[in-house]
Amino acid sequence: MKICIVSDSHDRGPMLATAIAEAKTRGAECVLHCGDLIGTNTLLASLKLELPIHVIHGNNLGDPVSISRLACGSGGQLQYHGNDADLTLAERRIFMTHYPHIGEAFACAGNHDLVCCGHSHEPEIRRLDNVKGGQTWLVNPGTVAGLGAPAATWIFADLEMMTFELQELER
């Protein structure tokens, strides 16, 4: 299963939709948004692309009531998880959090195959040794909005192969 991993869209709906559309053309079947979405308007264009979207909030909470209402009316396309999410996709255990330090702790615990985070606006893809004697992937897609960063970035991932490609949006 191929997925699109984004974070920190900060109300930049067109940029979020562009990243998701690019991922969809490459075969993505799902989107993980690691927080700082802000509001429902950010999601409207992305929902038209008809991919399931899993969202958590971050430190820029925005309007969680409105996002919850949108999720309830989406027929399951939008899953709003709150602070974090524990998912299973393509037989891979995935944890989503907004904060890199929490992501690193969960990766080191070894209960997940992949941990996704955001917040820093700095992309990162690395494998960490975990306490169970294995390794866990920790990925941060940076900011799809490009705020406070050299580029607007997102990650295209293949869960079967466990490969992660950092992508840049053209400005």
C-alpha atoms as a PDB file:
ATOM      1  CA  MET A   1       0.000   0.000   0.000  1.00  0.00           C
ATOM      2  CA  LYS A   2       1.287   3.414  -0.968  1.00  0.00           C
ATOM      3  CA  ILE A   3       0.445   6.411   1.206  1.00  0.00           C
ATOM      4  CA  CYS A   4       0.929  10.173   1.389  1.00  0.00           C
ATOM      5  CA  ILE A   5       2.325  11.539   4.664  1.00  0.00           C
ATOM      6  CA  VAL A   6       1.886  15.268   5.305  1.00  0.00           C
ATOM      7  CA  SER A   7       2.025  17.639   8.241  1.00  0.00           C
ATOM      8  CA  ASP A   8       1.754  21.274   9.199  1.00  0.00           C
ATOM      9  CA  SER A   9      -0.537  22.461   6.414  1.00  0.00           C
ATOM     10  CA  HIS A  10      -1.518  25.496   8.532  1.00  0.00           C
ATOM     11  CA  ASP A  11      -4.651  26.341   6.560  1.00  0.00           C
ATOM     12  CA  ARG A  12      -2.873  26.108   3.188  1.00  0.00           C
ATOM     13  CA  GLY A  13      -5.542  23.945   1.556  1.00  0.00           C
ATOM     14  CA  PRO A  14      -4.348  24.258  -2.060  1.00  0.00           C
ATOM     15  CA  MET A  15      -0.840  23.110  -1.155  1.00  0.00           C
ATOM     16  CA  LEU A  16      -2.216  20.157   0.827  1.00  0.00           C
ATOM     17  CA  ALA A  17      -4.474  19.171  -2.080  1.00  0.00           C
ATOM     18  CA  THR A  18      -1.573  19.435  -4.530  1.00  0.00           C
ATOM     19  CA  ALA A  19       0.560  17.045  -2.476  1.00  0.00           C
ATOM     20  CA  ILE A  20      -2.317  14.584  -2.122  1.00  0.00           C
ATOM     21  CA  ALA A  21      -3.134  14.781  -5.845  1.00  0.00           C
ATOM     22  CA  GLU A  22       0.525  14.071  -6.722  1.00  0.00           C
ATOM     23  CA  ALA A  23       0.556  11.100  -4.346  1.00  0.00           C
ATOM     24  CA  LYS A  24      -2.703   9.788  -5.797  1.00  0.00           C
ATOM     25  CA  THR A  25      -1.283   9.871  -9.336  1.00  0.00           C
ATOM     26  CA  ARG A  26       1.582   7.708  -8.011  1.00  0.00           C
ATOM     27  CA  GLY A  27      -0.818   5.182  -6.526  1.00  0.00           C
ATOM     28  CA  ALA A  28      -1.357   6.409  -2.965  1.00  0.00           C
ATOM     29  CA  GLU A  29      -4.419   4.896  -1.329  1.00  0.00           C
ATOM     30  CA  CYS A  30      -4.434   6.835   1.932  1.00  0.00           C
ATOM     31  CA  VAL A  31      -3.240  10.082   3.546  1.00  0.00           C
ATOM     32  CA  LEU A  32      -1.767  10.571   7.018  1.00  0.00           C
ATOM     33  CA  HIS A  33      -1.792  14.173   8.283  1.00  0.00           C
ATOM     34  CA  CYS A  34       0.432  14.637  11.347  1.00  0.00           C
ATOM     35  CA  GLY A  35      -1.167  17.766  12.733  1.00  0.00           C
ATOM     36  CA  ASP A  36      -1.501  21.530  12.509  1.00  0.00           C
ATOM     37  CA  LEU A  37      -4.270  21.271   9.972  1.00  0.00           C
ATOM     38  CA  ILE A  38      -6.143  24.213  11.572  1.00  0.00           C
ATOM     39  CA  GLY A  39      -9.627  24.185   9.991  1.00  0.00           C
ATOM     40  CA  THR A  40     -12.105  22.427   7.771  1.00  0.00           C
ATOM     41  CA  ASN A  41     -11.527  24.732   4.784  1.00  0.00           C
ATOM     42  CA  THR A  42      -8.016  23.294   4.576  1.00  0.00           C
ATOM     43  CA  LEU A  43      -9.511  19.866   3.837  1.00  0.00           C
ATOM     44  CA  LEU A  44     -12.271  20.662   1.336  1.00  0.00           C
ATOM     45  CA  ALA A  45     -10.206  20.395  -1.863  1.00  0.00           C
ATOM     46  CA  SER A  46      -8.383  17.327  -0.526  1.00  0.00           C
ATOM     47  CA  LEU A  47     -11.608  15.478   0.262  1.00  0.00           C
ATOM     48  CA  LYS A  48     -12.657  15.860  -3.385  1.00  0.00           C
ATOM     49  CA  LEU A  49      -9.690  13.634  -4.282  1.00  0.00           C
ATOM     50  CA  GLU A  50     -11.531  10.738  -2.604  1.00  0.00           C
ATOM     51  CA  LEU A  51      -8.667   9.222  -0.625  1.00  0.00           C
ATOM     52  CA  PRO A  52      -9.118   8.257   3.028  1.00  0.00           C
ATOM     53  CA  ILE A  53      -7.468  10.883   5.243  1.00  0.00           C
ATOM     54  CA  HIS A  54      -6.348  10.244   8.832  1.00  0.00           C
ATOM     55  CA  VAL A  55      -5.854  13.488  10.768  1.00  0.00           C
ATOM     56  CA  ILE A  56      -4.575  14.368  14.218  1.00  0.00           C
ATOM     57  CA  HIS A  57      -4.360  17.852  15.649  1.00  0.00           C
ATOM     58  CA  GLY A  58      -1.176  19.508  16.765  1.00  0.00           C
ATOM     59  CA  ASN A  59      -0.320  22.537  18.840  1.00  0.00           C
ATOM     60  CA  ASN A  60      -2.236  24.824  16.428  1.00  0.00           C
ATOM     61  CA  LEU A  61      -5.569  23.238  17.178  1.00  0.00           C
ATOM     62  CA  GLY A  62      -7.797  25.486  15.091  1.00  0.00           C
ATOM     63  CA  ASP A  63     -11.401  24.311  15.144  1.00  0.00           C
ATOM     64  CA  PRO A  64     -11.642  20.689  16.378  1.00  0.00           C
ATOM     65  CA  VAL A  65     -15.444  20.807  16.620  1.00  0.00           C
ATOM     66  CA  SER A  66     -15.782  21.753  12.964  1.00  0.00           C
ATOM     67  CA  ILE A  67     -13.228  19.127  11.910  1.00  0.00           C
ATOM     68  CA  SER A  68     -15.115  16.501  13.952  1.00  0.00           C
ATOM     69  CA  ARG A  69     -18.377  17.457  12.245  1.00  0.00           C
ATOM     70  CA  LEU A  70     -16.740  17.242   8.830  1.00  0.00           C
ATOM     71  CA  ALA A  71     -15.355  13.804   9.717  1.00  0.00           C
ATOM     72  CA  CYS A  72     -18.768  12.591  10.933  1.00  0.00           C
ATOM     73  CA  GLY A  73     -20.359  13.637   7.645  1.00  0.00           C
ATOM     74  CA  SER A  74     -17.614  12.234   5.405  1.00  0.00           C
ATOM     75  CA  GLY A  75     -18.833   8.641   5.244  1.00  0.00           C
ATOM     76  CA  GLY A  76     -15.565   7.448   6.782  1.00  0.00           C
ATOM     77  CA  GLN A  77     -13.293   9.216   4.300  1.00  0.00           C
ATOM     78  CA  LEU A  78     -11.995  11.594   6.980  1.00  0.00           C
ATOM     79  CA  GLN A  79     -10.870  10.021  10.262  1.00  0.00           C
ATOM     80  CA  TYR A  80     -10.182  12.603  12.976  1.00  0.00           C
ATOM     81  CA  HIS A  81      -8.236  10.927  15.780  1.00  0.00           C
ATOM     82  CA  GLY A  82      -7.507  13.781  18.196  1.00  0.00           C
ATOM     83  CA  ASN A  83      -4.035  14.019  19.788  1.00  0.00           C
ATOM     84  CA  ASP A  84      -2.546  10.906  18.204  1.00  0.00           C
ATOM     85  CA  ALA A  85      -3.488   7.815  16.231  1.00  0.00           C
ATOM     86  CA  ASP A  86      -2.620   4.131  16.419  1.00  0.00           C
ATOM     87  CA  LEU A  87      -3.414   2.571  13.029  1.00  0.00           C
ATOM     88  CA  THR A  88      -2.917  -0.633  11.135  1.00  0.00           C
ATOM     89  CA  LEU A  89      -2.569  -0.217   7.366  1.00  0.00           C
ATOM     90  CA  ALA A  90      -1.405  -2.978   5.035  1.00  0.00           C
ATOM     91  CA  GLU A  91      -0.533  -5.081   8.086  1.00  0.00           C
ATOM     92  CA  ARG A  92       1.839  -2.371   9.357  1.00  0.00           C
ATOM     93  CA  ARG A  93       1.363  -0.827  12.790  1.00  0.00           C
ATOM     94  CA  ILE A  94       1.591   2.945  12.516  1.00  0.00           C
ATOM     95  CA  PHE A  95       1.612   5.592  15.221  1.00  0.00           C
ATOM     96  CA  MET A  96       0.960   9.261  14.460  1.00  0.00           C
ATOM     97  CA  THR A  97       1.835  12.114  16.778  1.00  0.00           C
ATOM     98  CA  HIS A  98       2.546  15.757  16.150  1.00  0.00           C
ATOM     99  CA  TYR A  99       5.660  16.058  18.268  1.00  0.00           C
ATOM    100  CA  PRO A 100       9.076  14.650  17.218  1.00  0.00           C
ATOM    101  CA  HIS A 101      10.204  13.866  20.780  1.00  0.00           C
ATOM    102  CA  ILE A 102       7.078  11.771  21.377  1.00  0.00           C
ATOM    103  CA  GLY A 103       7.554  10.145  17.969  1.00  0.00           C
ATOM    104  CA  GLU A 104      11.114   9.190  18.855  1.00  0.00           C
ATOM    105  CA  ALA A 105       9.977   7.675  22.152  1.00  0.00           C
ATOM    106  CA  PHE A 106       7.292   5.593  20.435  1.00  0.00           C
ATOM    107  CA  ALA A 107       9.758   4.461  17.753  1.00  0.00           C
ATOM    108  CA  CYS A 108      12.235   3.358  20.419  1.00  0.00           C
ATOM    109  CA  ALA A 109       9.496   1.390  22.218  1.00  0.00           C
ATOM    110  CA  GLY A 110       9.274  -0.970  19.255  1.00  0.00           C
ATOM    111  CA  ASN A 111       5.513  -1.507  19.146  1.00  0.00           C
ATOM    112  CA  HIS A 112       5.101   0.001  15.676  1.00  0.00           C
ATOM    113  CA  ASP A 113       6.633  -0.471  12.251  1.00  0.00           C
ATOM    114  CA  LEU A 114       6.348   3.233  11.451  1.00  0.00           C
ATOM    115  CA  VAL A 115       5.997   6.365  13.561  1.00  0.00           C
ATOM    116  CA  CYS A 116       5.014   9.631  11.862  1.00  0.00           C
ATOM    117  CA  CYS A 117       5.364  13.086  13.385  1.00  0.00           C
ATOM    118  CA  GLY A 118       5.490  16.757  12.384  1.00  0.00           C
ATOM    119  CA  HIS A 119       5.777  20.077  14.269  1.00  0.00           C
ATOM    120  CA  SER A 120       9.419  20.983  13.530  1.00  0.00           C
ATOM    121  CA  HIS A 121       8.815  21.818   9.839  1.00  0.00           C
ATOM    122  CA  GLU A 122      12.048  19.884   9.227  1.00  0.00           C
ATOM    123  CA  PRO A 123      11.748  16.700   7.169  1.00  0.00           C
ATOM    124  CA  GLU A 124      13.400  13.580   8.502  1.00  0.00           C
ATOM    125  CA  ILE A 125      13.466   9.915   7.525  1.00  0.00           C
ATOM    126  CA  ARG A 126      15.409   7.536   9.748  1.00  0.00           C
ATOM    127  CA  ARG A 127      15.400   4.084  11.279  1.00  0.00           C
ATOM    128  CA  LEU A 128      15.839   3.804  15.017  1.00  0.00           C
ATOM    129  CA  ASP A 129      16.916   0.818  17.075  1.00  0.00           C
ATOM    130  CA  ASN A 130      14.133  -0.114  19.473  1.00  0.00           C
ATOM    131  CA  VAL A 131      14.126  -1.816  22.871  1.00  0.00           C
ATOM    132  CA  LYS A 132      12.722  -5.025  21.370  1.00  0.00           C
ATOM    133  CA  GLY A 133      15.900  -5.602  19.359  1.00  0.00           C
ATOM    134  CA  GLY A 134      14.463  -4.433  16.051  1.00  0.00           C
ATOM    135  CA  GLN A 135      14.203  -1.177  14.205  1.00  0.00           C
ATOM    136  CA  THR A 136      11.347   1.265  13.671  1.00  0.00           C
ATOM    137  CA  TRP A 137      11.010   3.918  10.998  1.00  0.00           C
ATOM    138  CA  LEU A 138      10.516   7.505  12.200  1.00  0.00           C
ATOM    139  CA  VAL A 139       9.406   9.962   9.527  1.00  0.00           C
ATOM    140  CA  ASN A 140       8.616  13.651   9.636  1.00  0.00           C
ATOM    141  CA  PRO A 141       7.355  15.071   6.316  1.00  0.00           C
ATOM    142  CA  GLY A 142       8.253  18.648   7.241  1.00  0.00           C
ATOM    143  CA  THR A 143       5.635  21.232   6.324  1.00  0.00           C
ATOM    144  CA  VAL A 144       3.421  20.880   3.264  1.00  0.00           C
ATOM    145  CA  ALA A 145       2.766  24.630   3.632  1.00  0.00           C
ATOM    146  CA  GLY A 146       6.462  25.477   3.382  1.00  0.00           C
ATOM    147  CA  LEU A 147       6.226  27.839   6.359  1.00  0.00           C
ATOM    148  CA  GLY A 148       9.541  28.630   8.032  1.00  0.00           C
ATOM    149  CA  ALA A 149      11.248  26.041   5.844  1.00  0.00           C
ATOM    150  CA  PRO A 150      13.318  26.121   2.655  1.00  0.00           C
ATOM    151  CA  ALA A 151      10.629  24.113   0.830  1.00  0.00           C
ATOM    152  CA  ALA A 152       7.093  22.741   1.084  1.00  0.00           C
ATOM    153  CA  THR A 153       7.565  19.003   1.619  1.00  0.00           C
ATOM    154  CA  TRP A 154       5.672  15.727   2.050  1.00  0.00           C
ATOM    155  CA  ILE A 155       6.546  12.018   1.984  1.00  0.00           C
ATOM    156  CA  PHE A 156       5.462   9.347  -0.479  1.00  0.00           C
ATOM    157  CA  ALA A 157       5.666   5.966   1.268  1.00  0.00           C
ATOM    158  CA  ASP A 158       5.304   2.352   0.231  1.00  0.00           C
ATOM    159  CA  LEU A 159       4.238   0.278   3.241  1.00  0.00           C
ATOM    160  CA  GLU A 160       4.937  -3.042   1.556  1.00  0.00           C
ATOM    161  CA  MET A 161       8.564  -2.145   0.769  1.00  0.00           C
ATOM    162  CA  MET A 162       8.894   0.275   3.725  1.00  0.00           C
ATOM    163  CA  THR A 163      10.387   2.955   1.505  1.00  0.00           C
ATOM    164  CA  PHE A 164       9.989   6.673   2.087  1.00  0.00           C
ATOM    165  CA  GLU A 165      10.640   9.397  -0.488  1.00  0.00           C
ATOM    166  CA  LEU A 166      10.762  13.064   0.463  1.00  0.00           C
ATOM    167  CA  GLN A 167       8.915  15.183  -2.090  1.00  0.00           C
ATOM    168  CA  GLU A 168       8.959  18.947  -2.676  1.00  0.00           C
ATOM    169  CA  LEU A 169       6.066  21.019  -3.942  1.00  0.00           C
ATOM    170  CA  GLU A 170       6.807  23.632  -6.564  1.00  0.00           C
ATOM    171  CA  ARG A 171       5.993  27.108  -5.293  1.00  0.00           C
END
